[in-house]
Amino acid sequence: MNAEMVTTTSTLETLCARIRAAPRIGLDTEFHNERSYTARLMVVQIAFDDGAAIVDPLAIADLSPLAIAISETLVIGHALSSDLKIFADRFDVVPPHVFDTQVAASFCGYGLAISLADLVRDLTGVRLKKSHTVSDWSTRPFSPGQLEYLIDDVAHLLEMHDTLGERLEKNGRCEWALEENQALSDPAKYRVDPRRLYMRISGANRMSRRELGVLSHLAILREKMARQRDLPLKYIMADDVLAGLATMRPKHPEDLAQLRRLDAGTRKSLGNAILEAVVAGEAIPEAELPQRPSRPLGNQREGLVSIMSVLAAAIAQQNDLPSSLLAPRAALERIAREVPPDRAALEAALDLNPWRSALIVDPLWRLLSAQAALKIEGYGNGDPRISLE
């Protein structure tokens, strides 16, 4: 596949017009995220039915026209969420129409995490050379091997779109795949909920609700500063520093020196903001304090989750699906904690989309309400299978 290099504003404008006129494109990105809050785009690869383009973000100051253009066509990619997150973070744009070949493959018996190389090999017979997976994509010019790698990552996406689309149509799962792909296009998927940031901090489940109130404001402060400075969160303040501040709840600038891991530079640049965050956390009304993160379930309810997981795995196997795609563990843990009293409450607590609910809600309710039991068949023949009866 021939590829055009896009390194100027004028060639980008031409590419954007081509994208808007195309019924679909293949998309992939290369990025670095080790030293920034938002991943830094290094390369964008676009595939058409009759060629490809390689966009150099380091040579073009403003890529927002590209982000807008790809939102006006169908975007095909593999494991697209990381690529879409970059466009959401950098340009506040998420394409509304996407087809993720990894998602589609999961509905065709390939599992939930098949690699691009493996899927390309199975669907097209082509073996990709993946020798540049850890390349430094900030270097210029690209080597011939790097260029081959970049093109390979998008060269087969449109063909796979056709093949997987036919298989989904054949097995009656087009609507299922459509629901999953629509979820990838939801901008909320890529936005940070400031109310839940504190739950990511190690040790939060051991804090009082007042301490969590302080921790929540500190976590929001760190997130804001990391975004402003485009630095990883840990470069602003480490998790253990936030936890220490939340439990110590300093009142005066000199109190900050008691934390060994809070260096002098951070105390100088963020000291006042930290103290203000502590005051804000202290001022939260008792009824509005953050909820404590869920504690471990305990042996009995962990056992219940395990039993539900067995049923979910059996249903998934019957439908040639990955069990984790059918029923996420978090949903099953929610059932074990809340113990819904009837089928309607169970369906509401699971909070699954329609195709998942159609497969699992009724069998799960029958099991939990003792209307049915799990049965192992075929064990004596060396082919054990789990069923519900």
Protein backbone atom coordinates (compact mmCIF):
# COMPACT_ATOMS: atom_id res chain seq x y z
CA MET A 1 0.00 0.00 0.00
CA ASN A 2 1.38 3.39 -1.00
CA ALA A 3 1.44 6.06 1.69
CA GLU A 4 1.55 9.84 1.41
CA MET A 5 3.54 11.80 4.01
CA VAL A 6 1.55 14.72 5.44
CA THR A 7 3.92 17.29 6.94
CA THR A 8 2.46 20.70 6.04
CA THR A 9 -0.75 22.61 6.66
CA SER A 10 -1.63 22.53 2.96
CA THR A 11 -1.20 18.74 2.64
CA LEU A 12 -3.22 18.32 5.85
CA GLU A 13 -6.07 20.36 4.32
CA THR A 14 -6.03 18.11 1.26
CA LEU A 15 -6.04 15.02 3.47
CA CYS A 16 -8.97 16.32 5.53
CA ALA A 17 -11.01 16.88 2.38
CA ARG A 18 -10.21 13.34 1.28
CA ILE A 19 -11.28 11.98 4.68
CA ARG A 20 -14.59 13.84 4.61
CA ALA A 21 -15.32 12.45 1.16
CA ALA A 22 -14.49 8.85 2.12
CA PRO A 23 -17.22 6.47 3.35
CA ARG A 24 -14.73 5.02 5.85
CA ILE A 25 -11.11 5.24 6.92
CA GLY A 26 -8.69 3.09 8.91
CA LEU A 27 -7.04 4.83 11.86
CA ASP A 28 -4.10 4.19 14.14
CA THR A 29 -1.82 6.40 16.20
CA GLU A 30 1.61 6.20 17.75
CA PHE A 31 2.08 8.19 20.93
CA HIS A 32 4.28 8.67 23.97
CA ASN A 33 2.69 9.01 27.41
CA GLU A 34 5.53 8.43 29.85
CA ARG A 35 6.16 12.11 30.66
CA SER A 36 2.84 13.86 30.05
CA TYR A 37 -0.68 14.00 31.46
CA THR A 38 -2.21 13.54 28.02
CA ALA A 39 -0.55 11.19 25.57
CA ARG A 40 1.52 13.09 23.01
CA LEU A 41 0.74 12.26 19.41
CA MET A 42 3.80 11.27 17.42
CA VAL A 43 2.23 9.77 14.29
CA VAL A 44 -1.29 9.38 12.87
CA GLN A 45 -1.88 6.75 10.18
CA ILE A 46 -4.93 6.89 7.92
CA ALA A 47 -5.96 4.14 5.49
CA PHE A 48 -8.29 4.52 2.50
CA ASP A 49 -9.56 1.88 0.10
CA ASP A 50 -6.99 3.13 -2.40
CA GLY A 51 -3.99 4.14 -0.30
CA ALA A 52 -2.77 5.56 3.01
CA ALA A 53 -1.44 8.71 4.62
CA ILE A 54 1.04 9.21 7.44
CA VAL A 55 0.56 12.46 9.36
CA ASP A 56 3.49 13.97 11.25
CA PRO A 57 2.13 15.84 14.32
CA LEU A 58 5.60 17.15 15.11
CA ALA A 59 5.67 19.05 11.81
CA ILE A 60 2.12 20.49 11.95
CA ALA A 61 1.22 22.88 14.75
CA ASP A 62 -2.57 22.46 14.65
CA LEU A 63 -4.13 19.04 14.07
CA SER A 64 -7.64 20.04 15.12
CA PRO A 65 -8.85 20.03 11.45
CA LEU A 66 -7.86 16.35 11.29
CA ALA A 67 -9.78 15.58 14.48
CA ILE A 68 -12.87 17.27 13.06
CA ALA A 69 -12.52 15.52 9.69
CA ILE A 70 -12.35 12.02 11.13
CA SER A 71 -15.53 12.73 13.09
CA GLU A 72 -17.38 13.04 9.77
CA THR A 73 -16.81 9.50 8.52
CA LEU A 74 -16.77 5.90 9.78
CA VAL A 75 -13.51 5.19 11.62
CA ILE A 76 -12.12 1.63 11.59
CA GLY A 77 -9.39 0.68 14.05
CA HIS A 78 -8.07 -2.04 16.35
CA ALA A 79 -8.28 -1.50 20.13
CA LEU A 80 -9.48 2.01 19.37
CA SER A 81 -10.09 3.33 22.89
CA SER A 82 -6.50 4.52 23.41
CA ASP A 83 -6.52 6.31 20.06
CA LEU A 84 -9.92 7.90 20.70
CA LYS A 85 -8.83 9.03 24.16
CA ILE A 86 -6.05 11.10 22.61
CA PHE A 87 -8.52 12.90 20.34
CA ALA A 88 -10.87 13.41 23.28
CA ASP A 89 -8.10 14.78 25.52
CA ARG A 90 -6.22 16.85 22.96
CA PHE A 91 -9.06 18.11 20.74
CA ASP A 92 -12.26 17.43 22.70
CA VAL A 93 -13.53 15.43 19.71
CA VAL A 94 -14.62 11.78 19.59
CA PRO A 95 -15.75 10.30 16.25
CA PRO A 96 -19.42 9.31 16.57
CA HIS A 97 -19.16 6.37 14.15
CA VAL A 98 -16.48 3.77 14.89
CA PHE A 99 -15.87 0.08 14.23
CA ASP A 100 -13.29 -1.59 16.46
CA THR A 101 -12.00 -4.79 14.87
CA GLN A 102 -10.97 -6.13 18.28
CA VAL A 103 -14.49 -5.62 19.62
CA ALA A 104 -16.03 -7.16 16.51
CA ALA A 105 -13.66 -10.13 16.73
CA SER A 106 -14.79 -10.80 20.30
CA PHE A 107 -18.28 -11.49 18.94
CA CYS A 108 -16.82 -13.87 16.36
CA GLY A 109 -15.10 -16.27 18.76
CA TYR A 110 -11.67 -14.62 18.98
CA GLY A 111 -11.63 -13.62 22.64
CA LEU A 112 -11.54 -10.15 24.08
CA ALA A 113 -7.92 -9.16 23.56
CA ILE A 114 -6.72 -10.59 20.25
CA SER A 115 -3.79 -8.64 18.86
CA LEU A 116 -3.83 -6.89 15.51
CA ALA A 117 -1.08 -9.16 14.18
CA ASP A 118 -2.94 -12.33 15.15
CA LEU A 119 -6.24 -11.11 13.71
CA VAL A 120 -4.62 -9.97 10.46
CA ARG A 121 -2.91 -13.34 10.10
CA ASP A 122 -6.13 -15.25 10.70
CA LEU A 123 -8.38 -13.13 8.49
CA THR A 124 -6.01 -12.28 5.63
CA GLY A 125 -3.12 -14.75 5.87
CA VAL A 126 -0.61 -11.89 6.11
CA ARG A 127 2.10 -11.98 8.78
CA LEU A 128 2.92 -8.51 10.05
CA LYS A 129 6.43 -7.60 11.11
CA LYS A 130 6.08 -6.15 14.61
CA SER A 131 9.76 -5.31 15.10
CA HIS A 132 9.13 -1.62 15.85
CA THR A 133 6.57 -1.94 18.65
CA VAL A 134 8.80 0.00 21.06
CA SER A 135 10.25 2.49 18.58
CA ASP A 136 10.98 6.05 19.62
CA TRP A 137 8.39 7.73 17.40
CA SER A 138 9.73 11.20 18.17
CA THR A 139 12.78 10.62 15.98
CA ARG A 140 12.87 11.89 12.40
CA PRO A 141 13.25 10.85 9.64
CA PHE A 142 11.49 7.49 9.88
CA SER A 143 13.52 4.48 8.85
CA PRO A 144 12.21 2.18 6.08
CA GLY A 145 11.37 -0.38 8.77
CA GLN A 146 9.40 2.18 10.77
CA LEU A 147 7.47 3.25 7.69
CA GLU A 148 6.61 -0.36 6.90
CA TYR A 149 5.39 -0.83 10.48
CA LEU A 150 3.26 2.32 10.37
CA ILE A 151 1.59 1.30 7.11
CA ASP A 152 1.06 -2.30 8.27
CA ASP A 153 -0.91 -1.05 11.28
CA VAL A 154 -3.68 0.32 9.03
CA ALA A 155 -3.22 -1.51 5.71
CA HIS A 156 -5.62 -4.37 6.50
CA LEU A 157 -8.23 -2.61 8.64
CA LEU A 158 -10.75 -1.99 5.87
CA GLU A 159 -10.51 -5.54 4.57
CA MET A 160 -11.03 -6.83 8.12
CA HIS A 161 -14.02 -4.52 8.49
CA ASP A 162 -15.62 -6.25 5.50
CA THR A 163 -14.80 -9.77 6.70
CA LEU A 164 -15.88 -9.24 10.30
CA GLY A 165 -19.02 -7.43 9.17
CA GLU A 166 -19.99 -10.47 7.10
CA ARG A 167 -19.37 -12.80 10.05
CA LEU A 168 -21.38 -10.63 12.42
CA GLU A 169 -24.22 -10.58 9.93
CA LYS A 170 -24.05 -14.35 9.57
CA ASN A 171 -24.16 -15.05 13.30
CA GLY A 172 -26.76 -12.39 14.02
CA ARG A 173 -24.55 -10.21 16.19
CA CYS A 174 -24.37 -6.97 14.25
CA GLU A 175 -26.54 -5.20 16.82
CA TRP A 176 -24.40 -6.47 19.69
CA ALA A 177 -21.21 -5.18 18.07
CA LEU A 178 -22.95 -1.92 17.21
CA GLU A 179 -23.86 -1.35 20.87
CA GLU A 180 -20.28 -1.97 22.00
CA ASN A 181 -18.85 0.31 19.33
CA GLN A 182 -21.32 3.07 20.16
CA ALA A 183 -20.05 2.94 23.75
CA LEU A 184 -16.55 3.73 22.43
CA SER A 185 -17.94 6.90 20.83
CA ASP A 186 -19.36 8.24 24.09
CA PRO A 187 -17.26 11.28 25.12
CA ALA A 188 -18.07 10.54 28.78
CA LYS A 189 -15.95 7.39 28.52
CA TYR A 190 -12.84 9.54 28.20
CA ARG A 191 -13.66 12.21 30.77
CA VAL A 192 -12.43 12.16 34.35
CA ASP A 193 -15.14 12.27 37.01
CA PRO A 194 -13.64 14.55 39.70
CA ARG A 195 -16.02 13.11 42.31
CA ARG A 196 -14.37 9.68 42.02
CA LEU A 197 -10.70 10.64 41.83
CA TYR A 198 -10.13 9.93 45.53
CA MET A 199 -11.13 6.29 45.03
CA ARG A 200 -7.98 5.71 42.95
CA ILE A 201 -5.68 6.56 45.89
CA SER A 202 -4.20 3.60 47.73
CA GLY A 203 -5.28 3.53 51.37
CA ALA A 204 -8.55 5.41 50.78
CA ASN A 205 -10.59 2.47 52.09
CA ARG A 206 -8.92 2.86 55.50
CA MET A 207 -9.76 6.56 55.91
CA SER A 208 -12.67 8.21 57.68
CA ARG A 209 -15.22 10.00 55.53
CA ARG A 210 -13.86 13.37 56.71
CA GLU A 211 -10.37 12.34 55.63
CA LEU A 212 -11.86 11.25 52.31
CA GLY A 213 -13.39 14.70 51.93
CA VAL A 214 -9.93 16.23 52.25
CA LEU A 215 -8.43 13.55 50.00
CA SER A 216 -11.06 14.28 47.34
CA HIS A 217 -10.16 17.97 47.18
CA LEU A 218 -6.44 17.15 47.11
CA ALA A 219 -6.98 14.67 44.26
CA ILE A 220 -8.93 17.28 42.30
CA LEU A 221 -6.13 19.79 42.86
CA ARG A 222 -3.51 17.31 41.63
CA GLU A 223 -5.58 16.46 38.54
CA LYS A 224 -6.02 20.15 37.70
CA MET A 225 -2.30 20.91 38.05
CA ALA A 226 -1.27 17.82 36.07
CA ARG A 227 -3.57 18.84 33.22
CA GLN A 228 -2.37 22.46 33.28
CA ARG A 229 1.29 21.45 33.26
CA ASP A 230 0.75 18.40 31.02
CA LEU A 231 2.65 16.18 33.44
CA PRO A 232 1.91 12.73 34.88
CA LEU A 233 0.02 12.82 38.18
CA LYS A 234 2.98 11.35 40.07
CA TYR A 235 5.13 14.28 38.94
CA ILE A 236 2.78 16.65 40.77
CA MET A 237 2.32 14.63 43.97
CA ALA A 238 2.60 10.90 44.56
CA ASP A 239 -0.36 8.91 45.90
CA ASP A 240 1.27 8.38 49.29
CA VAL A 241 1.78 12.15 49.64
CA LEU A 242 -1.93 12.77 49.01
CA ALA A 243 -2.83 10.09 51.53
CA GLY A 244 -0.45 11.57 54.09
CA LEU A 245 -1.86 15.07 53.63
CA ALA A 246 -5.42 13.77 53.97
CA THR A 247 -4.73 12.05 57.28
CA MET A 248 -2.49 14.84 58.65
CA ARG A 249 -4.80 17.67 57.45
CA PRO A 250 -2.19 20.46 57.77
CA LYS A 251 -3.37 23.89 58.90
CA HIS A 252 -0.26 26.03 58.39
CA PRO A 253 2.55 26.21 55.80
CA GLU A 254 5.11 24.94 58.30
CA ASP A 255 3.01 21.78 58.80
CA LEU A 256 3.76 20.76 55.22
CA ALA A 257 7.43 20.24 56.09
CA GLN A 258 6.44 17.26 58.23
CA LEU A 259 5.88 15.19 55.10
CA ARG A 260 9.27 13.94 53.97
CA ARG A 261 8.04 13.14 50.44
CA LEU A 262 6.63 16.63 49.88
CA ASP A 263 9.73 18.41 48.53
CA ALA A 264 10.54 22.07 49.01
CA GLY A 265 9.70 22.96 45.41
CA THR A 266 6.20 21.51 45.70
CA ARG A 267 5.66 23.20 49.06
CA LYS A 268 6.61 26.52 47.52
CA SER A 269 4.56 26.18 44.31
CA LEU A 270 1.51 24.35 45.67
CA GLY A 271 1.63 24.98 49.43
CA ASN A 272 -1.19 27.51 49.55
CA ALA A 273 -3.35 25.48 47.15
CA ILE A 274 -2.83 22.38 49.31
CA LEU A 275 -3.90 24.22 52.46
CA GLU A 276 -6.96 25.59 50.63
CA ALA A 277 -7.88 22.06 49.51
CA VAL A 278 -7.62 20.86 53.11
CA VAL A 279 -9.88 23.69 54.28
CA ALA A 280 -12.41 22.87 51.54
CA GLY A 281 -12.41 19.22 52.58
CA GLU A 282 -12.91 20.16 56.21
CA ALA A 283 -15.88 22.35 55.25
CA ILE A 284 -17.90 19.65 53.45
CA PRO A 285 -21.20 19.09 55.29
CA GLU A 286 -21.37 15.73 57.02
CA ALA A 287 -24.17 14.44 54.80
CA GLU A 288 -22.22 15.30 51.64
CA LEU A 289 -18.92 13.65 52.53
CA PRO A 290 -17.60 11.10 50.01
CA GLN A 291 -18.58 7.49 50.48
CA ARG A 292 -15.88 5.08 51.54
CA PRO A 293 -14.65 2.73 48.82
CA SER A 294 -16.15 -0.73 49.02
CA ARG A 295 -14.48 -3.03 51.50
CA PRO A 296 -13.65 -6.66 50.62
CA LEU A 297 -16.75 -8.78 50.22
CA GLY A 298 -15.89 -11.44 52.77
CA ASN A 299 -15.75 -15.18 52.20
CA GLN A 300 -19.49 -15.85 51.78
CA ARG A 301 -20.10 -13.13 49.22
CA GLU A 302 -16.84 -13.81 47.43
CA GLY A 303 -18.15 -17.34 47.06
CA LEU A 304 -21.39 -15.98 45.63
CA VAL A 305 -19.43 -13.95 43.07
CA SER A 306 -17.51 -17.09 42.13
CA ILE A 307 -20.72 -19.06 41.60
CA MET A 308 -22.22 -16.29 39.47
CA SER A 309 -18.96 -16.13 37.51
CA VAL A 310 -19.23 -19.86 36.76
CA LEU A 311 -22.73 -19.36 35.36
CA ALA A 312 -21.60 -16.32 33.34
CA ALA A 313 -18.69 -18.33 31.92
CA ALA A 314 -21.03 -21.18 30.93
CA ILE A 315 -23.43 -18.80 29.16
CA ALA A 316 -20.54 -17.05 27.46
CA GLN A 317 -19.12 -20.36 26.26
CA GLN A 318 -22.49 -21.40 24.86
CA ASN A 319 -22.55 -18.16 22.89
CA ASP A 320 -18.86 -18.25 21.89
CA LEU A 321 -18.09 -15.09 23.87
CA PRO A 322 -15.41 -14.12 26.39
CA SER A 323 -16.97 -14.36 29.87
CA SER A 324 -15.53 -10.99 30.94
CA LEU A 325 -17.28 -9.37 27.97
CA LEU A 326 -20.64 -10.79 29.04
CA ALA A 327 -20.59 -9.94 32.75
CA PRO A 328 -17.85 -7.74 34.23
CA ARG A 329 -16.78 -8.78 37.72
CA ALA A 330 -17.74 -5.35 39.07
CA ALA A 331 -21.37 -6.02 38.10
CA LEU A 332 -21.37 -9.39 39.86
CA GLU A 333 -19.76 -7.88 42.98
CA ARG A 334 -22.52 -5.28 43.01
CA ILE A 335 -25.11 -8.08 43.08
CA ALA A 336 -23.29 -9.79 45.95
CA ARG A 337 -23.26 -6.55 47.97
CA GLU A 338 -26.80 -5.36 47.26
CA VAL A 339 -28.67 -8.71 47.07
CA PRO A 340 -31.52 -7.49 44.82
CA PRO A 341 -34.90 -8.87 46.01
CA ASP A 342 -36.48 -9.57 42.62
CA ARG A 343 -35.68 -9.95 38.93
CA ALA A 344 -36.35 -6.30 38.06
CA ALA A 345 -34.06 -5.12 40.85
CA LEU A 346 -31.41 -7.60 39.70
CA GLU A 347 -31.53 -6.25 36.15
CA ALA A 348 -31.30 -2.67 37.42
CA ALA A 349 -28.36 -3.47 39.68
CA LEU A 350 -26.47 -5.27 36.93
CA ASP A 351 -26.91 -2.18 34.74
CA LEU A 352 -25.97 -4.04 31.55
CA ASN A 353 -26.82 -3.04 28.01
CA PRO A 354 -29.64 -4.88 26.21
CA TRP A 355 -27.79 -7.73 24.56
CA ARG A 356 -26.00 -8.67 27.78
CA SER A 357 -29.19 -8.46 29.84
CA ALA A 358 -31.01 -10.69 27.35
CA LEU A 359 -28.41 -13.41 27.81
CA ILE A 360 -27.75 -13.38 31.54
CA VAL A 361 -30.50 -11.77 33.64
CA ASP A 362 -33.04 -14.62 33.54
CA PRO A 363 -30.54 -17.47 34.16
CA LEU A 364 -28.86 -15.50 36.92
CA TRP A 365 -32.15 -14.74 38.66
CA ARG A 366 -33.21 -18.39 38.44
CA LEU A 367 -29.92 -19.42 40.05
CA LEU A 368 -29.99 -16.79 42.81
CA SER A 369 -33.64 -17.42 43.65
CA ALA A 370 -33.09 -21.20 43.87
CA GLN A 371 -35.37 -21.91 40.92
CA ALA A 372 -32.47 -23.66 39.18
CA ALA A 373 -29.07 -25.11 40.02
CA LEU A 374 -25.75 -25.49 38.29
CA LYS A 375 -25.06 -28.96 36.96
CA ILE A 376 -21.84 -30.53 35.67
CA GLU A 377 -22.33 -32.91 32.77
CA GLY A 378 -19.87 -35.06 30.85
CA TYR A 379 -17.24 -35.18 33.58
CA GLY A 380 -16.99 -38.97 33.43
CA ASN A 381 -16.36 -38.80 29.69
CA GLY A 382 -13.54 -36.28 30.16
CA ASP A 383 -15.60 -33.45 28.65
CA PRO A 384 -17.09 -31.50 31.59
CA ARG A 385 -19.74 -28.90 30.76
CA ILE A 386 -21.69 -26.65 33.12
CA SER A 387 -25.42 -26.13 32.62
CA LEU A 388 -28.36 -24.68 34.52
CA GLU A 389 -31.33 -26.89 35.32
